[in-house]
Amino acid sequence: LDVAIVRLSLGVGPNFTYSFSENSPVQAGLNAKVGADLVFGPVSFGLSYIMALNIDNGLYVNTGAGLLGVQVLFWL
């Protein structure tokens, strides 16, 4: 969703993990991602937050244990 110079995004996707030190090394799940970018011509500055999404007993988004990301993109 683009509003003036602000680009907002929301997405859901799979998560696959392989751990060499656990008894059940393969884990799979879903992640949700929320993002906001400021677009200035060929350069954009953004923030994103990725969190776990559980659908076992209804839809639950775990916002307390997410990953925050900062990005600068150069559009060529």
PDB file of N, CA and C in Angstrom:
ATOM      1  N   LEU A   1       0.861  -1.176   0.000  1.00  0.00           N
ATOM      2  CA  LEU A   1       0.000   0.000   0.000  1.00  0.00           C
ATOM      3  C   LEU A   1       0.895   1.223   0.000  1.00  0.00           C
ATOM      4  N   ASP A   2       0.783   2.051  -1.017  1.00  0.00           N
ATOM      5  CA  ASP A   2       1.568   3.275  -1.125  1.00  0.00           C
ATOM      6  C   ASP A   2       0.689   4.479  -0.827  1.00  0.00           C
ATOM      7  N   VAL A   3       1.137   5.311   0.118  1.00  0.00           N
ATOM      8  CA  VAL A   3       0.450   6.550   0.467  1.00  0.00           C
ATOM      9  C   VAL A   3       1.505   7.652   0.459  1.00  0.00           C
ATOM     10  N   ALA A   4       1.492   8.485  -0.579  1.00  0.00           N
ATOM     11  CA  ALA A   4       2.496   9.546  -0.765  1.00  0.00           C
ATOM     12  C   ALA A   4       3.883   8.919  -0.768  1.00  0.00           C
ATOM     13  N   ILE A   5       4.778   9.285   0.159  1.00  0.00           N
ATOM     14  CA  ILE A   5       6.134   8.720   0.187  1.00  0.00           C
ATOM     15  C   ILE A   5       6.241   7.518   1.115  1.00  0.00           C
ATOM     16  N   VAL A   6       5.145   7.096   1.723  1.00  0.00           N
ATOM     17  CA  VAL A   6       5.145   5.978   2.673  1.00  0.00           C
ATOM     18  C   VAL A   6       4.628   4.723   1.986  1.00  0.00           C
ATOM     19  N   ARG A   7       5.357   3.624   2.130  1.00  0.00           N
ATOM     20  CA  ARG A   7       4.937   2.321   1.616  1.00  0.00           C
ATOM     21  C   ARG A   7       4.738   1.389   2.808  1.00  0.00           C
ATOM     22  N   LEU A   8       3.522   0.878   2.994  1.00  0.00           N
ATOM     23  CA  LEU A   8       3.195  -0.042   4.083  1.00  0.00           C
ATOM     24  C   LEU A   8       3.044  -1.446   3.531  1.00  0.00           C
ATOM     25  N   SER A   9       3.490  -2.443   4.295  1.00  0.00           N
ATOM     26  CA  SER A   9       3.393  -3.823   3.816  1.00  0.00           C
ATOM     27  C   SER A   9       3.044  -4.764   4.964  1.00  0.00           C
ATOM     28  N   LEU A  10       2.408  -5.864   4.599  1.00  0.00           N
ATOM     29  CA  LEU A  10       2.024  -6.918   5.537  1.00  0.00           C
ATOM     30  C   LEU A  10       2.106  -8.233   4.775  1.00  0.00           C
ATOM     31  N   GLY A  11       2.703  -9.242   5.395  1.00  0.00           N
ATOM     32  CA  GLY A  11       2.834 -10.520   4.709  1.00  0.00           C
ATOM     33  C   GLY A  11       2.881 -11.694   5.676  1.00  0.00           C
ATOM     34  N   VAL A  12       2.608 -12.871   5.158  1.00  0.00           N
ATOM     35  CA  VAL A  12       2.659 -14.121   5.916  1.00  0.00           C
ATOM     36  C   VAL A  12       3.401 -15.132   5.063  1.00  0.00           C
ATOM     37  N   GLY A  13       4.287 -15.910   5.699  1.00  0.00           N
ATOM     38  CA  GLY A  13       5.037 -16.907   4.946  1.00  0.00           C
ATOM     39  C   GLY A  13       5.583 -18.008   5.820  1.00  0.00           C
ATOM     40  N   PRO A  14       6.076 -19.072   5.199  1.00  0.00           N
ATOM     41  CA  PRO A  14       6.579 -20.220   5.955  1.00  0.00           C
ATOM     42  C   PRO A  14       7.947 -19.941   6.581  1.00  0.00           C
ATOM     43  N   ASN A  15       8.238 -20.716   7.613  1.00  0.00           N
ATOM     44  CA  ASN A  15       9.493 -20.623   8.349  1.00  0.00           C
ATOM     45  C   ASN A  15      10.019 -22.040   8.510  1.00  0.00           C
ATOM     46  N   PHE A  16      11.231 -22.312   8.043  1.00  0.00           N
ATOM     47  CA  PHE A  16      11.853 -23.628   8.184  1.00  0.00           C
ATOM     48  C   PHE A  16      13.167 -23.470   8.935  1.00  0.00           C
ATOM     49  N   THR A  17      13.378 -24.307   9.950  1.00  0.00           N
ATOM     50  CA  THR A  17      14.584 -24.234  10.771  1.00  0.00           C
ATOM     51  C   THR A  17      15.193 -25.619  10.891  1.00  0.00           C
ATOM     52  N   TYR A  18      16.517 -25.688  10.805  1.00  0.00           N
ATOM     53  CA  TYR A  18      17.230 -26.939  11.053  1.00  0.00           C
ATOM     54  C   TYR A  18      18.280 -26.665  12.120  1.00  0.00           C
ATOM     55  N   SER A  19      18.192 -27.407  13.247  1.00  0.00           N
ATOM     56  CA  SER A  19      19.137 -27.236  14.348  1.00  0.00           C
ATOM     57  C   SER A  19      19.963 -28.506  14.492  1.00  0.00           C
ATOM     58  N   PHE A  20      21.264 -28.361  14.509  1.00  0.00           N
ATOM     59  CA  PHE A  20      22.156 -29.515  14.614  1.00  0.00           C
ATOM     60  C   PHE A  20      22.242 -30.067  16.023  1.00  0.00           C
ATOM     61  N   SER A  21      21.772 -29.343  17.033  1.00  0.00           N
ATOM     62  CA  SER A  21      21.981 -29.762  18.422  1.00  0.00           C
ATOM     63  C   SER A  21      20.731 -30.268  19.135  1.00  0.00           C
ATOM     64  N   GLU A  22      19.613 -30.457  18.451  1.00  0.00           N
ATOM     65  CA  GLU A  22      18.382 -30.888  19.113  1.00  0.00           C
ATOM     66  C   GLU A  22      17.962 -32.274  18.641  1.00  0.00           C
ATOM     67  N   ASN A  23      17.081 -32.923  19.432  1.00  0.00           N
ATOM     68  CA  ASN A  23      16.579 -34.252  19.074  1.00  0.00           C
ATOM     69  C   ASN A  23      15.665 -34.205  17.856  1.00  0.00           C
ATOM     70  N   SER A  24      14.819 -33.210  17.768  1.00  0.00           N
ATOM     71  CA  SER A  24      13.973 -33.031  16.578  1.00  0.00           C
ATOM     72  C   SER A  24      14.484 -31.796  15.838  1.00  0.00           C
ATOM     73  N   PRO A  25      15.452 -31.965  14.950  1.00  0.00           N
ATOM     74  CA  PRO A  25      16.145 -30.813  14.378  1.00  0.00           C
ATOM     75  C   PRO A  25      15.336 -29.991  13.378  1.00  0.00           C
ATOM     76  N   VAL A  26      14.337 -30.582  12.733  1.00  0.00           N
ATOM     77  CA  VAL A  26      13.581 -29.848  11.715  1.00  0.00           C
ATOM     78  C   VAL A  26      12.327 -29.260  12.352  1.00  0.00           C
ATOM     79  N   GLN A  27      12.161 -27.960  12.204  1.00  0.00           N
ATOM     80  CA  GLN A  27      10.989 -27.270  12.716  1.00  0.00           C
ATOM     81  C   GLN A  27      10.404 -26.429  11.593  1.00  0.00           C
ATOM     82  N   ALA A  28       9.085 -26.355  11.553  1.00  0.00           N
ATOM     83  CA  ALA A  28       8.409 -25.555  10.531  1.00  0.00           C
ATOM     84  C   ALA A  28       7.306 -24.751  11.192  1.00  0.00           C
ATOM     85  N   GLY A  29       7.006 -23.610  10.657  1.00  0.00           N
ATOM     86  CA  GLY A  29       5.953 -22.764  11.200  1.00  0.00           C
ATOM     87  C   GLY A  29       5.622 -21.653  10.230  1.00  0.00           C
ATOM     88  N   LEU A  30       4.926 -20.642  10.733  1.00  0.00           N
ATOM     89  CA  LEU A  30       4.553 -19.488   9.928  1.00  0.00           C
ATOM     90  C   LEU A  30       5.050 -18.212  10.598  1.00  0.00           C
ATOM     91  N   ASN A  31       5.411 -17.245   9.790  1.00  0.00           N
ATOM     92  CA  ASN A  31       5.806 -15.929  10.266  1.00  0.00           C
ATOM     93  C   ASN A  31       4.894 -14.882   9.656  1.00  0.00           C
ATOM     94  N   ALA A  32       4.700 -13.793  10.393  1.00  0.00           N
ATOM     95  CA  ALA A  32       4.008 -12.618   9.874  1.00  0.00           C
ATOM     96  C   ALA A  32       5.009 -11.468   9.860  1.00  0.00           C
ATOM     97  N   LYS A  33       4.930 -10.612   8.849  1.00  0.00           N
ATOM     98  CA  LYS A  33       5.859  -9.491   8.716  1.00  0.00           C
ATOM     99  C   LYS A  33       5.080  -8.215   8.458  1.00  0.00           C
ATOM    100  N   VAL A  34       5.445  -7.165   9.192  1.00  0.00           N
ATOM    101  CA  VAL A  34       4.867  -5.840   9.028  1.00  0.00           C
ATOM    102  C   VAL A  34       6.006  -4.901   8.673  1.00  0.00           C
ATOM    103  N   GLY A  35       5.801  -4.041   7.685  1.00  0.00           N
ATOM    104  CA  GLY A  35       6.868  -3.144   7.275  1.00  0.00           C
ATOM    105  C   GLY A  35       6.364  -1.775   6.888  1.00  0.00           C
ATOM    106  N   ALA A  36       7.255  -0.792   7.009  1.00  0.00           N
ATOM    107  CA  ALA A  36       6.976   0.576   6.578  1.00  0.00           C
ATOM    108  C   ALA A  36       8.250   1.143   5.965  1.00  0.00           C
ATOM    109  N   ASP A  37       8.127   1.767   4.803  1.00  0.00           N
ATOM    110  CA  ASP A  37       9.258   2.358   4.104  1.00  0.00           C
ATOM    111  C   ASP A  37       8.944   3.808   3.766  1.00  0.00           C
ATOM    112  N   LEU A  38       9.984   4.631   3.787  1.00  0.00           N
ATOM    113  CA  LEU A  38       9.912   5.987   3.262  1.00  0.00           C
ATOM    114  C   LEU A  38      10.675   5.985   1.947  1.00  0.00           C
ATOM    115  N   VAL A  39      10.008   6.343   0.860  1.00  0.00           N
ATOM    116  CA  VAL A  39      10.596   6.267  -0.482  1.00  0.00           C
ATOM    117  C   VAL A  39      10.940   7.675  -0.955  1.00  0.00           C
ATOM    118  N   PHE A  40      12.228   7.876  -1.232  1.00  0.00           N
ATOM    119  CA  PHE A  40      12.732   9.151  -1.747  1.00  0.00           C
ATOM    120  C   PHE A  40      13.405   8.898  -3.085  1.00  0.00           C
ATOM    121  N   GLY A  41      12.627   8.842  -4.153  1.00  0.00           N
ATOM    122  CA  GLY A  41      13.175   8.583  -5.484  1.00  0.00           C
ATOM    123  C   GLY A  41      13.824   7.213  -5.552  1.00  0.00           C
ATOM    124  N   PRO A  42      15.126   7.152  -5.860  1.00  0.00           N
ATOM    125  CA  PRO A  42      15.797   5.855  -6.009  1.00  0.00           C
ATOM    126  C   PRO A  42      16.296   5.249  -4.693  1.00  0.00           C
ATOM    127  N   VAL A  43      15.963   5.869  -3.543  1.00  0.00           N
ATOM    128  CA  VAL A  43      16.414   5.365  -2.235  1.00  0.00           C
ATOM    129  C   VAL A  43      15.205   5.232  -1.319  1.00  0.00           C
ATOM    130  N   SER A  44      15.148   4.126  -0.557  1.00  0.00           N
ATOM    131  CA  SER A  44      14.097   3.984   0.443  1.00  0.00           C
ATOM    132  C   SER A  44      14.701   3.531   1.765  1.00  0.00           C
ATOM    133  N   PHE A  45      14.122   4.023   2.853  1.00  0.00           N
ATOM    134  CA  PHE A  45      14.527   3.688   4.217  1.00  0.00           C
ATOM    135  C   PHE A  45      13.351   3.004   4.884  1.00  0.00           C
ATOM    136  N   GLY A  46      13.599   1.864   5.525  1.00  0.00           N
ATOM    137  CA  GLY A  46      12.469   1.123   6.069  1.00  0.00           C
ATOM    138  C   GLY A  46      12.734   0.433   7.384  1.00  0.00           C
ATOM    139  N   LEU A  47      11.641   0.067   8.040  1.00  0.00           N
ATOM    140  CA  LEU A  47      11.627  -0.747   9.247  1.00  0.00           C
ATOM    141  C   LEU A  47      10.723  -1.938   9.003  1.00  0.00           C
ATOM    142  N   SER A  48      11.105  -3.105   9.524  1.00  0.00           N
ATOM    143  CA  SER A  48      10.244  -4.279   9.422  1.00  0.00           C
ATOM    144  C   SER A  48      10.289  -5.039  10.746  1.00  0.00           C
ATOM    145  N   TYR A  49       9.209  -5.740  11.033  1.00  0.00           N
ATOM    146  CA  TYR A  49       9.103  -6.537  12.255  1.00  0.00           C
ATOM    147  C   TYR A  49       8.547  -7.902  11.868  1.00  0.00           C
ATOM    148  N   ILE A  50       9.288  -8.959  12.160  1.00  0.00           N
ATOM    149  CA  ILE A  50       8.877 -10.332  11.844  1.00  0.00           C
ATOM    150  C   ILE A  50       8.542 -11.033  13.146  1.00  0.00           C
ATOM    151  N   MET A  51       7.383 -11.702  13.208  1.00  0.00           N
ATOM    152  CA  MET A  51       6.938 -12.389  14.422  1.00  0.00           C
ATOM    153  C   MET A  51       6.314 -13.739  14.081  1.00  0.00           C
ATOM    154  N   ALA A  52       6.274 -14.625  15.071  1.00  0.00           N
ATOM    155  CA  ALA A  52       5.706 -15.962  14.882  1.00  0.00           C
ATOM    156  C   ALA A  52       4.185 -15.880  14.776  1.00  0.00           C
ATOM    157  N   LEU A  53       3.624 -16.731  13.929  1.00  0.00           N
ATOM    158  CA  LEU A  53       2.182 -16.800  13.719  1.00  0.00           C
ATOM    159  C   LEU A  53       1.745 -18.223  14.017  1.00  0.00           C
ATOM    160  N   ASN A  54       0.888 -18.404  15.026  1.00  0.00           N
ATOM    161  CA  ASN A  54       0.391 -19.729  15.406  1.00  0.00           C
ATOM    162  C   ASN A  54      -1.082 -19.846  15.043  1.00  0.00           C
ATOM    163  N   ILE A  55      -1.452 -21.006  14.453  1.00  0.00           N
ATOM    164  CA  ILE A  55      -2.856 -21.213  14.062  1.00  0.00           C
ATOM    165  C   ILE A  55      -3.415 -22.503  14.667  1.00  0.00           C
ATOM    166  N   ASP A  56      -2.831 -22.978  15.779  1.00  0.00           N
ATOM    167  CA  ASP A  56      -3.280 -24.227  16.397  1.00  0.00           C
ATOM    168  C   ASP A  56      -4.724 -24.136  16.885  1.00  0.00           C
ATOM    169  N   ASN A  57      -5.010 -23.229  17.804  1.00  0.00           N
ATOM    170  CA  ASN A  57      -6.361 -23.048  18.346  1.00  0.00           C
ATOM    171  C   ASN A  57      -6.844 -21.642  18.040  1.00  0.00           C
ATOM    172  N   GLY A  58      -6.967 -21.327  16.791  1.00  0.00           N
ATOM    173  CA  GLY A  58      -7.299 -19.972  16.367  1.00  0.00           C
ATOM    174  C   GLY A  58      -6.036 -19.240  15.946  1.00  0.00           C
ATOM    175  N   LEU A  59      -6.175 -18.031  15.524  1.00  0.00           N
ATOM    176  CA  LEU A  59      -5.059 -17.240  15.029  1.00  0.00           C
ATOM    177  C   LEU A  59      -4.442 -16.451  16.175  1.00  0.00           C
ATOM    178  N   TYR A  60      -3.142 -16.646  16.410  1.00  0.00           N
ATOM    179  CA  TYR A  60      -2.425 -15.942  17.472  1.00  0.00           C
ATOM    180  C   TYR A  60      -1.093 -15.455  16.924  1.00  0.00           C
ATOM    181  N   VAL A  61      -0.834 -14.164  17.054  1.00  0.00           N
ATOM    182  CA  VAL A  61       0.433 -13.581  16.625  1.00  0.00           C
ATOM    183  C   VAL A  61       1.233 -13.251  17.866  1.00  0.00           C
ATOM    184  N   ASN A  62       2.434 -13.831  17.987  1.00  0.00           N
ATOM    185  CA  ASN A  62       3.305 -13.592  19.134  1.00  0.00           C
ATOM    186  C   ASN A  62       4.168 -12.373  18.852  1.00  0.00           C
ATOM    187  N   THR A  63       3.711 -11.196  19.305  1.00  0.00           N
ATOM    188  CA  THR A  63       4.428  -9.957  19.030  1.00  0.00           C
ATOM    189  C   THR A  63       5.566  -9.705  20.006  1.00  0.00           C
ATOM    190  N   GLY A  64       5.646 -10.458  21.105  1.00  0.00           N
ATOM    191  CA  GLY A  64       6.662 -10.222  22.127  1.00  0.00           C
ATOM    192  C   GLY A  64       8.027 -10.786  21.791  1.00  0.00           C
ATOM    193  N   ALA A  65       8.129 -11.701  20.843  1.00  0.00           N
ATOM    194  CA  ALA A  65       9.407 -12.348  20.540  1.00  0.00           C
ATOM    195  C   ALA A  65       9.742 -12.229  19.065  1.00  0.00           C
ATOM    196  N   GLY A  66       9.665 -11.039  18.530  1.00  0.00           N
ATOM    197  CA  GLY A  66       9.905 -10.846  17.110  1.00  0.00           C
ATOM    198  C   GLY A  66      11.306 -10.339  16.818  1.00  0.00           C
ATOM    199  N   LEU A  67      11.548 -10.105  15.544  1.00  0.00           N
ATOM    200  CA  LEU A  67      12.823  -9.579  15.065  1.00  0.00           C
ATOM    201  C   LEU A  67      12.576  -8.249  14.369  1.00  0.00           C
ATOM    202  N   LEU A  68      13.320  -7.218  14.772  1.00  0.00           N
ATOM    203  CA  LEU A  68      13.204  -5.902  14.176  1.00  0.00           C
ATOM    204  C   LEU A  68      14.306  -5.724  13.149  1.00  0.00           C
ATOM    205  N   GLY A  69      13.955  -5.215  11.983  1.00  0.00           N
ATOM    206  CA  GLY A  69      14.936  -5.004  10.930  1.00  0.00           C
ATOM    207  C   GLY A  69      14.897  -3.579  10.419  1.00  0.00           C
ATOM    208  N   VAL A  70      16.053  -3.086  10.012  1.00  0.00           N
ATOM    209  CA  VAL A  70      16.188  -1.766   9.415  1.00  0.00           C
ATOM    210  C   VAL A  70      16.875  -1.954   8.069  1.00  0.00           C
ATOM    211  N   GLN A  71      16.361  -1.293   7.035  1.00  0.00           N
ATOM    212  CA  GLN A  71      16.962  -1.466   5.723  1.00  0.00           C
ATOM    213  C   GLN A  71      17.036  -0.148   4.967  1.00  0.00           C
ATOM    214  N   VAL A  72      18.043  -0.065   4.117  1.00  0.00           N
ATOM    215  CA  VAL A  72      18.208   1.024   3.158  1.00  0.00           C
ATOM    216  C   VAL A  72      18.332   0.371   1.794  1.00  0.00           C
ATOM    217  N   LEU A  73      17.453   0.732   0.870  1.00  0.00           N
ATOM    218  CA  LEU A  73      17.455   0.133  -0.462  1.00  0.00           C
ATOM    219  C   LEU A  73      17.752   1.188  -1.516  1.00  0.00           C
ATOM    220  N   PHE A  74      18.598   0.816  -2.469  1.00  0.00           N
ATOM    221  CA  PHE A  74      18.930   1.669  -3.599  1.00  0.00           C
ATOM    222  C   PHE A  74      18.313   1.033  -4.843  1.00  0.00           C
ATOM    223  N   TRP A  75      17.373   1.723  -5.475  1.00  0.00           N
ATOM    224  CA  TRP A  75      16.666   1.213  -6.639  1.00  0.00           C
ATOM    225  C   TRP A  75      17.403   1.649  -7.896  1.00  0.00           C
ATOM    226  N   LEU A  76      17.890   0.696  -8.655  1.00  0.00           N
ATOM    227  CA  LEU A  76      18.634   1.017  -9.875  1.00  0.00           C
ATOM    228  C   LEU A  76      17.766   0.887 -11.106  1.00  0.00           C
TER     229      LEU A  76
END
